[in-house]
Amino acid sequence: MRLVVLTGAGISAESGVPTFRDAGGLWEGHRVEDVATPEAFERDPDTVQRFYDLRRHAVAQVEPNPAHDALARLERTLGDDLLVVTQNIDDLHERAGSQRVVHMHGDLLTALCANCGARTPVTADLVERPPCPVCGRRMLRPDVVWFGEMPYELDAIDEALLACDVFAAIGTSGAVYPAAGFVMTAAEWGARTVELNLAASEITPLFDEVRHGPASLEVPAWVDEVVAAPSDGRPS
């Protein structure tokens, strides 16, 4: 049984990670256009660097929750037959023990060198302009996919979606593409689909099964059923 699990902001929110975008469309008081686009970085790099430095420090203060722990437990059972694709840029999946994780929107803990393209661990606040460990130039930026940029690992994700037996979306709004279209790809190739979300999303009608409630409760219960299920992934 092969599973692809897509996780979004909702799973990390239960650990205390802010979703950043509020009802007014602002990210911690900033317009998205001011902190999450290449143009913003070119126009005002210090504001962008500080924004992500603060996010990095905030994530370091929180811990994985039972939903992260449950997915790590599922990986211990399924091994390479489970792939977690996350829209989140925190490291909570890894800290819970998951190893097969694709960060399609990048990773707060790494920096991307605009000069040589190297991706390296962040060891100091990027607003301080530390040198790239590879080329020595002080041209590091957050290794985060901004609006207008291409998400990472789309070919690998697509390959996994075409081959999976079960696709699950956890804590996602269904508002951001291409991730919002993953359920349609998986379903087209015969996968059973399930949504686990705090409330209905924009793509809830596309799923075979829907479970609404806190991820910290719904995901461990679902994982228990998957582990005990027959090979088709359907609870017995």
C-alpha atoms as a PDB file:
ATOM      1  CA  MET A   1       0.000   0.000   0.000  1.00  0.00           C
ATOM      2  CA  ARG A   2       1.522   3.275  -1.136  1.00  0.00           C
ATOM      3  CA  LEU A   3       0.465   6.557   0.452  1.00  0.00           C
ATOM      4  CA  VAL A   4       1.058  10.197  -0.332  1.00  0.00           C
ATOM      5  CA  VAL A   5       0.195  12.632   2.459  1.00  0.00           C
ATOM      6  CA  LEU A   6      -0.016  16.355   1.769  1.00  0.00           C
ATOM      7  CA  THR A   7       0.215  18.594   4.831  1.00  0.00           C
ATOM      8  CA  GLY A   8      -0.532  22.286   5.127  1.00  0.00           C
ATOM      9  CA  ALA A   9      -0.545  25.080   7.673  1.00  0.00           C
ATOM     10  CA  GLY A  10      -3.312  23.476   9.722  1.00  0.00           C
ATOM     11  CA  ILE A  11      -1.102  20.683  11.037  1.00  0.00           C
ATOM     12  CA  SER A  12       1.567  23.084  12.289  1.00  0.00           C
ATOM     13  CA  ALA A  13      -0.952  25.568  13.666  1.00  0.00           C
ATOM     14  CA  GLU A  14      -1.785  23.074  16.414  1.00  0.00           C
ATOM     15  CA  SER A  15       1.841  23.258  17.541  1.00  0.00           C
ATOM     16  CA  GLY A  16       1.541  27.027  17.840  1.00  0.00           C
ATOM     17  CA  VAL A  17       3.000  27.977  14.473  1.00  0.00           C
ATOM     18  CA  PRO A  18       0.953  30.931  13.192  1.00  0.00           C
ATOM     19  CA  THR A  19      -0.636  30.508   9.795  1.00  0.00           C
ATOM     20  CA  PHE A  20       0.663  34.061   9.160  1.00  0.00           C
ATOM     21  CA  ARG A  21      -2.051  35.042   6.705  1.00  0.00           C
ATOM     22  CA  ASP A  22      -5.004  36.529   8.581  1.00  0.00           C
ATOM     23  CA  ALA A  23      -8.532  37.279   7.420  1.00  0.00           C
ATOM     24  CA  GLY A  24      -7.344  40.512   5.880  1.00  0.00           C
ATOM     25  CA  GLY A  25      -4.732  38.724   3.794  1.00  0.00           C
ATOM     26  CA  LEU A  26      -1.795  40.026   5.841  1.00  0.00           C
ATOM     27  CA  TRP A  27       1.171  38.006   7.063  1.00  0.00           C
ATOM     28  CA  GLU A  28       2.006  39.255  10.555  1.00  0.00           C
ATOM     29  CA  GLY A  29       0.977  42.745   9.548  1.00  0.00           C
ATOM     30  CA  HIS A  30       2.769  42.656   6.199  1.00  0.00           C
ATOM     31  CA  ARG A  31       1.224  42.465   2.769  1.00  0.00           C
ATOM     32  CA  VAL A  32       2.124  39.233   0.993  1.00  0.00           C
ATOM     33  CA  GLU A  33       3.610  41.352  -1.781  1.00  0.00           C
ATOM     34  CA  ASP A  34       6.031  42.902   0.717  1.00  0.00           C
ATOM     35  CA  VAL A  35       7.549  39.712   2.156  1.00  0.00           C
ATOM     36  CA  ALA A  36       6.832  36.769  -0.134  1.00  0.00           C
ATOM     37  CA  THR A  37       7.776  37.740  -3.673  1.00  0.00           C
ATOM     38  CA  PRO A  38      11.105  38.069  -5.517  1.00  0.00           C
ATOM     39  CA  GLU A  39      10.202  41.697  -6.205  1.00  0.00           C
ATOM     40  CA  ALA A  40       9.835  42.393  -2.486  1.00  0.00           C
ATOM     41  CA  PHE A  41      13.271  40.932  -1.813  1.00  0.00           C
ATOM     42  CA  GLU A  42      14.827  43.047  -4.534  1.00  0.00           C
ATOM     43  CA  ARG A  43      13.051  46.174  -3.275  1.00  0.00           C
ATOM     44  CA  ASP A  44      13.568  45.772   0.482  1.00  0.00           C
ATOM     45  CA  PRO A  45      15.753  42.767   1.353  1.00  0.00           C
ATOM     46  CA  ASP A  46      16.156  43.711   5.014  1.00  0.00           C
ATOM     47  CA  THR A  47      12.408  43.560   5.694  1.00  0.00           C
ATOM     48  CA  VAL A  48      12.135  40.181   3.970  1.00  0.00           C
ATOM     49  CA  GLN A  49      15.181  38.755   5.746  1.00  0.00           C
ATOM     50  CA  ARG A  50      13.929  39.922   9.152  1.00  0.00           C
ATOM     51  CA  PHE A  51      10.488  38.454   8.477  1.00  0.00           C
ATOM     52  CA  TYR A  52      11.915  34.974   7.850  1.00  0.00           C
ATOM     53  CA  ASP A  53      14.510  35.256  10.602  1.00  0.00           C
ATOM     54  CA  LEU A  54      11.665  35.908  13.047  1.00  0.00           C
ATOM     55  CA  ARG A  55       9.697  32.962  11.673  1.00  0.00           C
ATOM     56  CA  ARG A  56      12.741  30.719  12.100  1.00  0.00           C
ATOM     57  CA  HIS A  57      13.158  31.763  15.726  1.00  0.00           C
ATOM     58  CA  ALA A  58       9.442  31.273  16.397  1.00  0.00           C
ATOM     59  CA  VAL A  59       9.396  27.741  14.969  1.00  0.00           C
ATOM     60  CA  ALA A  60      12.371  26.799  17.139  1.00  0.00           C
ATOM     61  CA  GLN A  61      10.227  27.476  20.213  1.00  0.00           C
ATOM     62  CA  VAL A  62       7.453  24.986  19.372  1.00  0.00           C
ATOM     63  CA  GLU A  63       7.265  21.194  19.286  1.00  0.00           C
ATOM     64  CA  PRO A  64       5.684  18.586  16.997  1.00  0.00           C
ATOM     65  CA  ASN A  65       2.143  17.631  17.959  1.00  0.00           C
ATOM     66  CA  PRO A  66       0.402  14.220  17.913  1.00  0.00           C
ATOM     67  CA  ALA A  67      -0.424  14.603  14.210  1.00  0.00           C
ATOM     68  CA  HIS A  68       3.270  14.918  13.314  1.00  0.00           C
ATOM     69  CA  ASP A  69       4.074  12.030  15.636  1.00  0.00           C
ATOM     70  CA  ALA A  70       1.399   9.850  14.032  1.00  0.00           C
ATOM     71  CA  LEU A  71       2.773  10.410  10.522  1.00  0.00           C
ATOM     72  CA  ALA A  72       6.260   9.507  11.735  1.00  0.00           C
ATOM     73  CA  ARG A  73       4.789   6.337  13.210  1.00  0.00           C
ATOM     74  CA  LEU A  74       3.101   5.601   9.888  1.00  0.00           C
ATOM     75  CA  GLU A  75       6.451   5.916   8.133  1.00  0.00           C
ATOM     76  CA  ARG A  76       7.973   3.433  10.544  1.00  0.00           C
ATOM     77  CA  THR A  77       5.269   0.985   9.431  1.00  0.00           C
ATOM     78  CA  LEU A  78       5.231   1.679   5.690  1.00  0.00           C
ATOM     79  CA  GLY A  79       8.824   2.753   5.089  1.00  0.00           C
ATOM     80  CA  ASP A  80       9.416   3.908   1.530  1.00  0.00           C
ATOM     81  CA  ASP A  81       5.746   3.375   0.664  1.00  0.00           C
ATOM     82  CA  LEU A  82       4.882   6.645   2.437  1.00  0.00           C
ATOM     83  CA  LEU A  83       5.801  10.078   1.132  1.00  0.00           C
ATOM     84  CA  VAL A  84       4.923  13.218   3.083  1.00  0.00           C
ATOM     85  CA  VAL A  85       4.664  16.291   0.874  1.00  0.00           C
ATOM     86  CA  THR A  86       4.423  19.429   2.961  1.00  0.00           C
ATOM     87  CA  GLN A  87       3.536  22.975   2.052  1.00  0.00           C
ATOM     88  CA  ASN A  88       5.027  24.038   5.382  1.00  0.00           C
ATOM     89  CA  ILE A  89       8.523  25.463   5.683  1.00  0.00           C
ATOM     90  CA  ASP A  90       9.049  24.379   9.305  1.00  0.00           C
ATOM     91  CA  ASP A  91      10.915  21.235  10.408  1.00  0.00           C
ATOM     92  CA  LEU A  92       8.241  19.737  12.670  1.00  0.00           C
ATOM     93  CA  HIS A  93       7.810  16.598  10.550  1.00  0.00           C
ATOM     94  CA  GLU A  94      11.526  15.892  10.766  1.00  0.00           C
ATOM     95  CA  ARG A  95      11.664  16.596  14.480  1.00  0.00           C
ATOM     96  CA  ALA A  96       8.844  14.100  14.978  1.00  0.00           C
ATOM     97  CA  GLY A  97      10.914  11.473  13.183  1.00  0.00           C
ATOM     98  CA  SER A  98       9.699  11.569   9.563  1.00  0.00           C
ATOM     99  CA  GLN A  99      12.485  11.143   7.020  1.00  0.00           C
ATOM    100  CA  ARG A 100      10.657  10.891   3.685  1.00  0.00           C
ATOM    101  CA  VAL A 101       9.510  14.512   3.534  1.00  0.00           C
ATOM    102  CA  VAL A 102       9.383  16.777   0.483  1.00  0.00           C
ATOM    103  CA  HIS A 103       9.246  20.501   1.277  1.00  0.00           C
ATOM    104  CA  MET A 104       7.582  21.756  -1.876  1.00  0.00           C
ATOM    105  CA  HIS A 105       7.639  25.372  -0.663  1.00  0.00           C
ATOM    106  CA  GLY A 106      11.151  25.299   0.766  1.00  0.00           C
ATOM    107  CA  ASP A 107      12.680  25.123   4.209  1.00  0.00           C
ATOM    108  CA  LEU A 108      13.229  27.820   6.845  1.00  0.00           C
ATOM    109  CA  LEU A 109      16.358  26.088   8.064  1.00  0.00           C
ATOM    110  CA  THR A 110      18.243  26.378   4.790  1.00  0.00           C
ATOM    111  CA  ALA A 111      19.483  29.342   2.803  1.00  0.00           C
ATOM    112  CA  LEU A 112      19.727  29.655  -0.964  1.00  0.00           C
ATOM    113  CA  CYS A 113      22.692  31.475  -2.446  1.00  0.00           C
ATOM    114  CA  ALA A 114      21.594  33.831  -5.202  1.00  0.00           C
ATOM    115  CA  ASN A 115      25.127  33.728  -6.607  1.00  0.00           C
ATOM    116  CA  CYS A 116      26.031  30.019  -6.848  1.00  0.00           C
ATOM    117  CA  GLY A 117      22.686  28.315  -6.159  1.00  0.00           C
ATOM    118  CA  ALA A 118      23.967  26.328  -3.177  1.00  0.00           C
ATOM    119  CA  ARG A 119      21.530  25.345  -0.438  1.00  0.00           C
ATOM    120  CA  THR A 120      23.141  25.319   2.997  1.00  0.00           C
ATOM    121  CA  PRO A 121      21.969  25.242   6.633  1.00  0.00           C
ATOM    122  CA  VAL A 122      21.194  28.613   8.196  1.00  0.00           C
ATOM    123  CA  THR A 123      23.691  29.274  10.976  1.00  0.00           C
ATOM    124  CA  ALA A 124      23.036  32.991  11.580  1.00  0.00           C
ATOM    125  CA  ASP A 125      20.279  35.500  10.942  1.00  0.00           C
ATOM    126  CA  LEU A 126      20.248  36.181   7.220  1.00  0.00           C
ATOM    127  CA  VAL A 127      19.610  39.885   7.766  1.00  0.00           C
ATOM    128  CA  GLU A 128      23.240  40.013   8.999  1.00  0.00           C
ATOM    129  CA  ARG A 129      24.397  38.969   5.487  1.00  0.00           C
ATOM    130  CA  PRO A 130      26.527  35.940   6.418  1.00  0.00           C
ATOM    131  CA  PRO A 131      28.716  34.620   3.590  1.00  0.00           C
ATOM    132  CA  CYS A 132      27.720  31.604   1.543  1.00  0.00           C
ATOM    133  CA  PRO A 133      29.733  28.602   2.852  1.00  0.00           C
ATOM    134  CA  VAL A 134      30.289  27.461  -0.741  1.00  0.00           C
ATOM    135  CA  CYS A 135      31.231  30.558  -2.751  1.00  0.00           C
ATOM    136  CA  GLY A 136      31.858  33.120  -0.005  1.00  0.00           C
ATOM    137  CA  ARG A 137      29.539  35.754  -1.463  1.00  0.00           C
ATOM    138  CA  ARG A 138      27.106  37.496   0.892  1.00  0.00           C
ATOM    139  CA  MET A 139      24.092  36.748  -1.263  1.00  0.00           C
ATOM    140  CA  LEU A 140      22.056  34.322   0.855  1.00  0.00           C
ATOM    141  CA  ARG A 141      18.245  34.465   0.823  1.00  0.00           C
ATOM    142  CA  PRO A 142      15.624  32.295   2.505  1.00  0.00           C
ATOM    143  CA  ASP A 143      15.287  28.935   0.741  1.00  0.00           C
ATOM    144  CA  VAL A 144      11.562  29.543   0.462  1.00  0.00           C
ATOM    145  CA  VAL A 145       9.359  29.397  -2.621  1.00  0.00           C
ATOM    146  CA  TRP A 146       7.808  32.826  -3.023  1.00  0.00           C
ATOM    147  CA  PHE A 147       4.742  33.746  -5.051  1.00  0.00           C
ATOM    148  CA  GLY A 148       5.696  33.659  -8.700  1.00  0.00           C
ATOM    149  CA  GLU A 149       8.366  30.972  -8.164  1.00  0.00           C
ATOM    150  CA  MET A 150       8.128  27.265  -9.015  1.00  0.00           C
ATOM    151  CA  PRO A 151       7.561  24.820  -6.123  1.00  0.00           C
ATOM    152  CA  TYR A 152      10.258  22.225  -5.540  1.00  0.00           C
ATOM    153  CA  GLU A 153      10.255  18.550  -6.531  1.00  0.00           C
ATOM    154  CA  LEU A 154       7.099  18.654  -8.655  1.00  0.00           C
ATOM    155  CA  ASP A 155       8.272  15.792 -10.881  1.00  0.00           C
ATOM    156  CA  ALA A 156       8.932  13.525  -7.893  1.00  0.00           C
ATOM    157  CA  ILE A 157       5.602  14.491  -6.340  1.00  0.00           C
ATOM    158  CA  ASP A 158       3.742  13.786  -9.566  1.00  0.00           C
ATOM    159  CA  GLU A 159       5.421  10.385  -9.864  1.00  0.00           C
ATOM    160  CA  ALA A 160       4.344   9.499  -6.324  1.00  0.00           C
ATOM    161  CA  LEU A 161       0.769  10.674  -6.950  1.00  0.00           C
ATOM    162  CA  LEU A 162       0.463   8.498 -10.049  1.00  0.00           C
ATOM    163  CA  ALA A 163       1.608   5.437  -8.119  1.00  0.00           C
ATOM    164  CA  CYS A 164      -0.164   5.852  -4.783  1.00  0.00           C
ATOM    165  CA  ASP A 165      -3.085   3.811  -3.490  1.00  0.00           C
ATOM    166  CA  VAL A 166      -4.179   6.411  -0.934  1.00  0.00           C
ATOM    167  CA  PHE A 167      -3.854  10.192  -1.003  1.00  0.00           C
ATOM    168  CA  ALA A 168      -4.529  12.193   2.159  1.00  0.00           C
ATOM    169  CA  ALA A 169      -4.596  15.966   2.606  1.00  0.00           C
ATOM    170  CA  ILE A 170      -4.134  17.224   6.160  1.00  0.00           C
ATOM    171  CA  GLY A 171      -4.633  20.792   7.318  1.00  0.00           C
ATOM    172  CA  THR A 172      -4.770  22.353   3.856  1.00  0.00           C
ATOM    173  CA  SER A 173      -7.008  25.148   2.609  1.00  0.00           C
ATOM    174  CA  GLY A 174      -7.228  23.847  -0.953  1.00  0.00           C
ATOM    175  CA  ALA A 175      -6.636  27.403  -2.162  1.00  0.00           C
ATOM    176  CA  VAL A 176      -3.044  27.207  -3.396  1.00  0.00           C
ATOM    177  CA  TYR A 177      -2.087  25.448  -6.608  1.00  0.00           C
ATOM    178  CA  PRO A 178      -0.516  23.187  -7.684  1.00  0.00           C
ATOM    179  CA  ALA A 179      -1.031  21.456  -4.316  1.00  0.00           C
ATOM    180  CA  ALA A 180      -4.809  21.918  -4.478  1.00  0.00           C
ATOM    181  CA  GLY A 181      -4.843  19.818  -7.647  1.00  0.00           C
ATOM    182  CA  PHE A 182      -3.022  16.816  -6.179  1.00  0.00           C
ATOM    183  CA  VAL A 183      -6.290  15.154  -5.127  1.00  0.00           C
ATOM    184  CA  MET A 184      -7.541  15.202  -8.712  1.00  0.00           C
ATOM    185  CA  THR A 185      -4.314  13.698 -10.039  1.00  0.00           C
ATOM    186  CA  ALA A 186      -4.308  10.910  -7.457  1.00  0.00           C
ATOM    187  CA  ALA A 187      -8.007  10.151  -7.960  1.00  0.00           C
ATOM    188  CA  GLU A 188      -7.634  10.045 -11.726  1.00  0.00           C
ATOM    189  CA  TRP A 189      -5.072   7.272 -11.316  1.00  0.00           C
ATOM    190  CA  GLY A 190      -7.250   5.250  -8.973  1.00  0.00           C
ATOM    191  CA  ALA A 191      -6.194   6.327  -5.498  1.00  0.00           C
ATOM    192  CA  ARG A 192      -8.632   6.532  -2.623  1.00  0.00           C
ATOM    193  CA  THR A 193      -8.638  10.094  -1.283  1.00  0.00           C
ATOM    194  CA  VAL A 194      -9.245  11.422   2.219  1.00  0.00           C
ATOM    195  CA  GLU A 195      -9.276  14.910   3.675  1.00  0.00           C
ATOM    196  CA  LEU A 196      -8.474  15.534   7.338  1.00  0.00           C
ATOM    197  CA  ASN A 197      -9.088  19.168   8.116  1.00  0.00           C
ATOM    198  CA  LEU A 198     -10.374  21.377  10.896  1.00  0.00           C
ATOM    199  CA  ALA A 199     -13.260  22.440   8.648  1.00  0.00           C
ATOM    200  CA  ALA A 200     -14.343  22.104   5.038  1.00  0.00           C
ATOM    201  CA  SER A 201     -11.838  23.385   2.501  1.00  0.00           C
ATOM    202  CA  GLU A 202     -12.317  24.714  -1.000  1.00  0.00           C
ATOM    203  CA  ILE A 203     -11.734  21.205  -2.403  1.00  0.00           C
ATOM    204  CA  THR A 204     -13.623  19.076   0.150  1.00  0.00           C
ATOM    205  CA  PRO A 205     -16.161  17.804  -2.452  1.00  0.00           C
ATOM    206  CA  LEU A 206     -13.327  16.179  -4.423  1.00  0.00           C
ATOM    207  CA  PHE A 207     -12.462  13.643  -1.711  1.00  0.00           C
ATOM    208  CA  ASP A 208     -13.859  10.136  -1.243  1.00  0.00           C
ATOM    209  CA  GLU A 209     -13.762  10.538   2.538  1.00  0.00           C
ATOM    210  CA  VAL A 210     -13.764  13.616   4.741  1.00  0.00           C
ATOM    211  CA  ARG A 211     -12.901  13.875   8.434  1.00  0.00           C
ATOM    212  CA  HIS A 212     -13.234  17.245  10.114  1.00  0.00           C
ATOM    213  CA  GLY A 213     -11.689  18.033  13.464  1.00  0.00           C
ATOM    214  CA  PRO A 214      -8.336  18.931  15.026  1.00  0.00           C
ATOM    215  CA  ALA A 215      -5.405  17.270  13.268  1.00  0.00           C
ATOM    216  CA  SER A 216      -3.953  16.223  16.622  1.00  0.00           C
ATOM    217  CA  LEU A 217      -7.030  14.033  17.121  1.00  0.00           C
ATOM    218  CA  GLU A 218      -8.039  13.044  13.597  1.00  0.00           C
ATOM    219  CA  VAL A 219      -4.626  12.108  12.215  1.00  0.00           C
ATOM    220  CA  PRO A 220      -3.617   9.625  14.965  1.00  0.00           C
ATOM    221  CA  ALA A 221      -7.027   7.940  14.671  1.00  0.00           C
ATOM    222  CA  TRP A 222      -6.705   7.723  10.894  1.00  0.00           C
ATOM    223  CA  VAL A 223      -3.162   6.358  11.123  1.00  0.00           C
ATOM    224  CA  ASP A 224      -4.373   3.662  13.520  1.00  0.00           C
ATOM    225  CA  GLU A 225      -6.947   2.601  10.918  1.00  0.00           C
ATOM    226  CA  VAL A 226      -4.456   2.657   8.050  1.00  0.00           C
ATOM    227  CA  VAL A 227      -1.988   0.501   9.957  1.00  0.00           C
ATOM    228  CA  ALA A 228      -4.738  -2.034  10.691  1.00  0.00           C
ATOM    229  CA  ALA A 229      -6.302  -1.864   7.223  1.00  0.00           C
ATOM    230  CA  PRO A 230      -6.133  -4.451   4.423  1.00  0.00           C
ATOM    231  CA  SER A 231      -3.690  -3.800   1.586  1.00  0.00           C
ATOM    232  CA  ASP A 232      -6.100  -1.474  -0.254  1.00  0.00           C
ATOM    233  CA  GLY A 233      -5.932   1.038   2.558  1.00  0.00           C
ATOM    234  CA  ARG A 234      -9.636   0.821   3.427  1.00  0.00           C
ATOM    235  CA  PRO A 235     -10.501   0.340   7.106  1.00  0.00           C
ATOM    236  CA  SER A 236     -11.754  -3.160   7.834  1.00  0.00           C
END
